[in-house]
Amino acid sequence: MKHASLAERKLGFQIHAVVFVLTLAVLVVVNLLTGRPYWVLWVAPSWGVGLLMHGWFGLKPTAGTGSRDQP
């Protein structure tokens, strides 16, 4: 998505965030039903860092413009 518009990048981030929340909710329920060890405590922050980086790098005003690719 080198040349995606800001609206497209926002939509991509929103989809990522919704999938994160829904999947994490399911994983929490599964982990609570199966009991210890609480492995979801490793999954949530790890994936959360990925979501944070997606927002940080994907929603910058210059992200996706391909400005680094220009000679």
N, C-alpha and C. Protein backbone atom coordinates (compact mmCIF):
# COMPACT_ATOMS: atom_id res chain seq x y z
N MET A 1 0.82 -1.19 0.00
CA MET A 1 0.00 0.00 0.00
C MET A 1 0.87 1.26 0.00
N LYS A 2 1.81 1.32 -0.88
CA LYS A 2 2.70 2.47 -0.94
C LYS A 2 1.97 3.76 -1.23
N HIS A 3 0.97 3.72 -2.07
CA HIS A 3 0.32 4.95 -2.52
C HIS A 3 -1.12 5.03 -2.05
N ALA A 4 -1.40 4.51 -0.88
CA ALA A 4 -2.76 4.54 -0.35
C ALA A 4 -3.05 5.93 0.21
N SER A 5 -4.29 6.35 0.05
CA SER A 5 -4.69 7.64 0.59
C SER A 5 -4.81 7.53 2.11
N LEU A 6 -4.90 8.66 2.77
CA LEU A 6 -5.06 8.68 4.22
C LEU A 6 -6.34 7.96 4.63
N ALA A 7 -7.41 8.15 3.87
CA ALA A 7 -8.68 7.48 4.17
C ALA A 7 -8.52 5.96 4.08
N GLU A 8 -7.80 5.49 3.08
CA GLU A 8 -7.58 4.04 2.93
C GLU A 8 -6.72 3.51 4.07
N ARG A 9 -5.71 4.27 4.46
CA ARG A 9 -4.86 3.84 5.57
C ARG A 9 -5.63 3.83 6.89
N LYS A 10 -6.52 4.81 7.09
CA LYS A 10 -7.35 4.83 8.30
C LYS A 10 -8.28 3.63 8.33
N LEU A 11 -8.85 3.30 7.18
CA LEU A 11 -9.74 2.14 7.11
C LEU A 11 -8.97 0.86 7.43
N GLY A 12 -7.77 0.73 6.90
CA GLY A 12 -6.94 -0.43 7.20
C GLY A 12 -6.63 -0.55 8.69
N PHE A 13 -6.34 0.58 9.32
CA PHE A 13 -6.07 0.58 10.75
C PHE A 13 -7.33 0.23 11.54
N GLN A 14 -8.46 0.77 11.14
CA GLN A 14 -9.72 0.47 11.84
C GLN A 14 -10.07 -1.01 11.74
N ILE A 15 -9.86 -1.60 10.57
CA ILE A 15 -10.10 -3.03 10.41
C ILE A 15 -9.18 -3.83 11.32
N HIS A 16 -7.91 -3.45 11.36
CA HIS A 16 -6.94 -4.12 12.22
C HIS A 16 -7.37 -4.02 13.69
N ALA A 17 -7.83 -2.84 14.11
CA ALA A 17 -8.24 -2.64 15.49
C ALA A 17 -9.48 -3.47 15.85
N VAL A 18 -10.45 -3.53 14.94
CA VAL A 18 -11.66 -4.33 15.20
C VAL A 18 -11.33 -5.81 15.29
N VAL A 19 -10.49 -6.29 14.37
CA VAL A 19 -10.08 -7.70 14.42
C VAL A 19 -9.32 -7.98 15.70
N PHE A 20 -8.47 -7.05 16.12
CA PHE A 20 -7.72 -7.19 17.37
C PHE A 20 -8.68 -7.36 18.55
N VAL A 21 -9.64 -6.47 18.67
CA VAL A 21 -10.57 -6.49 19.81
C VAL A 21 -11.42 -7.76 19.80
N LEU A 22 -11.99 -8.10 18.66
CA LEU A 22 -12.86 -9.28 18.59
C LEU A 22 -12.08 -10.57 18.85
N THR A 23 -10.92 -10.70 18.24
CA THR A 23 -10.12 -11.91 18.42
C THR A 23 -9.63 -12.01 19.85
N LEU A 24 -9.20 -10.90 20.41
CA LEU A 24 -8.72 -10.93 21.79
C LEU A 24 -9.84 -11.30 22.75
N ALA A 25 -11.05 -10.84 22.49
CA ALA A 25 -12.19 -11.21 23.34
C ALA A 25 -12.41 -12.72 23.32
N VAL A 26 -12.34 -13.31 22.14
CA VAL A 26 -12.50 -14.76 22.02
C VAL A 26 -11.36 -15.48 22.75
N LEU A 27 -10.14 -15.00 22.57
CA LEU A 27 -9.00 -15.64 23.22
C LEU A 27 -9.08 -15.54 24.75
N VAL A 28 -9.57 -14.42 25.25
CA VAL A 28 -9.73 -14.27 26.71
C VAL A 28 -10.73 -15.29 27.23
N VAL A 29 -11.85 -15.44 26.53
CA VAL A 29 -12.86 -16.41 26.96
C VAL A 29 -12.29 -17.82 26.93
N VAL A 30 -11.60 -18.17 25.85
CA VAL A 30 -11.00 -19.51 25.74
C VAL A 30 -10.00 -19.73 26.87
N ASN A 31 -9.17 -18.73 27.13
CA ASN A 31 -8.15 -18.88 28.17
C ASN A 31 -8.79 -18.99 29.55
N LEU A 32 -9.84 -18.24 29.80
CA LEU A 32 -10.52 -18.34 31.09
C LEU A 32 -11.20 -19.70 31.27
N LEU A 33 -11.72 -20.25 30.18
CA LEU A 33 -12.36 -21.56 30.25
C LEU A 33 -11.34 -22.69 30.44
N THR A 34 -10.16 -22.52 29.90
CA THR A 34 -9.15 -23.57 30.02
C THR A 34 -8.30 -23.42 31.26
N GLY A 35 -8.33 -22.25 31.87
CA GLY A 35 -7.59 -22.05 33.12
C GLY A 35 -6.13 -21.73 32.91
N ARG A 36 -5.41 -21.82 34.00
CA ARG A 36 -3.99 -21.48 33.99
C ARG A 36 -3.21 -22.40 33.09
N PRO A 37 -2.12 -21.95 32.51
CA PRO A 37 -1.51 -20.63 32.57
C PRO A 37 -2.26 -19.65 31.68
N TYR A 38 -2.24 -18.40 32.05
CA TYR A 38 -2.96 -17.37 31.30
C TYR A 38 -2.09 -16.83 30.17
N TRP A 39 -2.02 -17.59 29.09
CA TRP A 39 -1.20 -17.27 27.93
C TRP A 39 -1.69 -16.05 27.19
N VAL A 40 -2.96 -15.69 27.37
CA VAL A 40 -3.50 -14.53 26.67
C VAL A 40 -2.80 -13.25 27.12
N LEU A 41 -2.17 -13.29 28.29
CA LEU A 41 -1.42 -12.13 28.78
C LEU A 41 -0.15 -11.89 27.96
N TRP A 42 0.27 -12.86 27.18
CA TRP A 42 1.39 -12.68 26.26
C TRP A 42 0.90 -12.27 24.87
N VAL A 43 -0.23 -12.80 24.49
CA VAL A 43 -0.77 -12.51 23.16
C VAL A 43 -1.23 -11.06 23.05
N ALA A 44 -1.96 -10.59 24.04
CA ALA A 44 -2.53 -9.24 23.98
C ALA A 44 -1.48 -8.15 23.82
N PRO A 45 -0.46 -8.09 24.67
CA PRO A 45 0.52 -7.01 24.49
C PRO A 45 1.35 -7.17 23.21
N SER A 46 1.62 -8.41 22.84
CA SER A 46 2.42 -8.62 21.62
C SER A 46 1.69 -8.12 20.39
N TRP A 47 0.45 -8.50 20.26
CA TRP A 47 -0.34 -8.05 19.12
C TRP A 47 -0.65 -6.56 19.26
N GLY A 48 -0.79 -6.09 20.50
CA GLY A 48 -1.02 -4.67 20.75
C GLY A 48 0.12 -3.81 20.24
N VAL A 49 1.35 -4.30 20.38
CA VAL A 49 2.50 -3.58 19.85
C VAL A 49 2.40 -3.50 18.32
N GLY A 50 1.99 -4.58 17.69
CA GLY A 50 1.80 -4.56 16.25
C GLY A 50 0.74 -3.56 15.82
N LEU A 51 -0.34 -3.49 16.57
CA LEU A 51 -1.40 -2.52 16.27
C LEU A 51 -0.90 -1.10 16.49
N LEU A 52 -0.15 -0.89 17.55
CA LEU A 52 0.42 0.42 17.82
C LEU A 52 1.36 0.86 16.69
N MET A 53 2.20 -0.05 16.24
CA MET A 53 3.11 0.28 15.14
C MET A 53 2.36 0.54 13.84
N HIS A 54 1.29 -0.20 13.62
CA HIS A 54 0.46 0.04 12.43
C HIS A 54 -0.07 1.47 12.48
N GLY A 55 -0.57 1.88 13.63
CA GLY A 55 -1.07 3.24 13.76
C GLY A 55 0.02 4.28 13.65
N TRP A 56 1.14 4.02 14.30
CA TRP A 56 2.24 4.97 14.33
C TRP A 56 2.82 5.22 12.93
N PHE A 57 3.14 4.14 12.23
CA PHE A 57 3.78 4.28 10.93
C PHE A 57 2.79 4.40 9.77
N GLY A 58 1.62 3.85 9.94
CA GLY A 58 0.66 3.84 8.84
C GLY A 58 -0.19 5.09 8.75
N LEU A 59 -0.30 5.83 9.85
CA LEU A 59 -1.17 7.00 9.83
C LEU A 59 -0.42 8.32 9.86
N LYS A 60 0.91 8.27 9.74
CA LYS A 60 1.69 9.50 9.65
C LYS A 60 1.29 10.23 8.38
N PRO A 61 1.34 11.55 8.39
CA PRO A 61 0.94 12.29 7.18
C PRO A 61 1.75 11.92 5.94
N THR A 62 3.01 11.53 6.10
CA THR A 62 3.83 11.18 4.93
C THR A 62 3.80 9.69 4.61
N ALA A 63 3.13 8.88 5.40
CA ALA A 63 3.10 7.44 5.17
C ALA A 63 2.36 7.15 3.87
N GLY A 64 2.90 6.22 3.11
CA GLY A 64 2.24 5.79 1.90
C GLY A 64 2.45 6.69 0.70
N THR A 65 3.24 7.75 0.84
CA THR A 65 3.44 8.66 -0.28
C THR A 65 4.55 8.20 -1.20
N GLY A 66 5.39 7.30 -0.72
CA GLY A 66 6.50 6.83 -1.53
C GLY A 66 7.60 7.86 -1.64
N SER A 67 7.66 8.83 -0.70
CA SER A 67 8.64 9.92 -0.78
C SER A 67 10.06 9.42 -0.69
N ARG A 68 10.30 8.32 -0.01
CA ARG A 68 11.66 7.77 0.09
C ARG A 68 12.07 7.09 -1.20
N ASP A 69 11.09 6.68 -2.00
CA ASP A 69 11.40 5.97 -3.22
C ASP A 69 11.84 6.90 -4.35
N GLN A 70 11.62 8.19 -4.17
CA GLN A 70 11.98 9.14 -5.21
C GLN A 70 13.47 9.44 -5.17
N PRO A 71 14.13 9.51 -6.32
CA PRO A 71 15.57 9.80 -6.33
C PRO A 71 15.87 11.22 -5.94
